[in-house]
Amino acid sequence: MARAKRLLVKRFSRRKFFRDSAALGLLTTLAAKMGLVKTAAANNEQVHRRTGMAKYLDPLPPGFNPGPLDMEKPLDNQVAMLKLQADLSGEPVIGIFPGKAWIWIPGEGNTEIFHTYGVGASRLEYNPDEQGWRFYHREILLYTDPQTGEVVDTWKNPITGMTVRVVHVHNDPVQRFYPLEKGPFAPPYPYMINGDNLVFQVDVFRPPAPGNNPLTRKDYPLHSQQDLYQTGELWAIHGSMEALNNPENTRVPCHTAWGRISMWEPFFEMGNRPGFVVYHSQAFTTQNGVDDIDPKIVSYMEKHYPQFLEYPHAPTEWGEGFQENHWTYSQKIIDKARAEGKTVGESVFGVFD
């Protein structure tokens, strides 16, 4: 093959090449047979990909491929997940997750207690020293009136009959690290494809472990159901395979079905009564940022959570180790109320006016 190429160059001088159209046709034919045209096409594709990658983060991991993606390759699999969860340009993404919450008491029944509305703000960067992606994130979940959609700050518990102050979920920060390999969030992630639909199914059941619940029964008998923190969260993360395969897309619209089963929220003040709280939400990455948030929710956030509405929306600091959750957040409120003498018996959240 190499000898044929050398002979081809010798036989067709530049002058004869332009003078003899037959030679041009022969050259094209021979070049195609020898794979030269294919190589040129491959080079064009590489140029196209580099052009498409101009808006991507810098740096990126070795072997990064913006698309088309091979879902069996761990890094491509991870790129698909991150295009859905964040934006590989490094720009922040606002997500919303409206839903409902129920109380489930075995042998007694199920009661819808709230509608909910969540807002999350995320930002992504690749850290070459850590060989993984830092996922900067904060989130709130607000409890709303099922009839009006207004955010509620007090609530009459239908089980106890007591009116309590509502403590909305405020996890800030709640960040994740996506390693390229090894670790709880390392790829590949389990997925299903049906036509153009890609779904990552992620099931997280947090097993009870000694010391993982800051609200112990001994110290917080009215606000703690058990000494061990135990929850389950179920995600179905969905997006378009065609959109994910397009190297021009640093992010792809995402819909996630999210379910959670947990212990009583501390503000319920239900102690160790048997039962669960069940959440079910539909989450979406917004196309227009904060403009896509329900106006009633925006009005409440402007007063209480303005950091979500102001650029850069997501955290800018990488918190080493500490992650806020509803139990650590509630513990701070309870301890502060006790220290200031703002309790009635064991009750911290009861409204007695």
Foldseek 3Di string as FASTA:
>chain_A
DVVVVVVLDVVQDPVNCVVPVVNVVVVVVVCVVVCVVVVVVVVVVVVVLVVLCPLFAPPDDPPDDQFDADLVDQNSLVLLVCLAVAFRSFAKWKKKKWWWKWWFAPPPGIGTFFTKMKMKIWTWHADVVQQWIKIFMWMKIFTAHPVPRAGDQWGQQPVVRFIFGDDTKTKPTAIDIEHCDDDDNHDDADWDDDPFKIKGKDKDWDDWDQPPFPQACVNQQQQDQHRTWTKIKIKIKMFTSVLSRDSNRRHTKIKMWMKMKGDDGRRSSRGNRDIIMIIIIIMITDPVQPVPGDPSVVVVCVVPPCLCVDPPNTDPDDDPPDIDTSRVVVVVQQVVCVVVVNADVSHNTTDDD
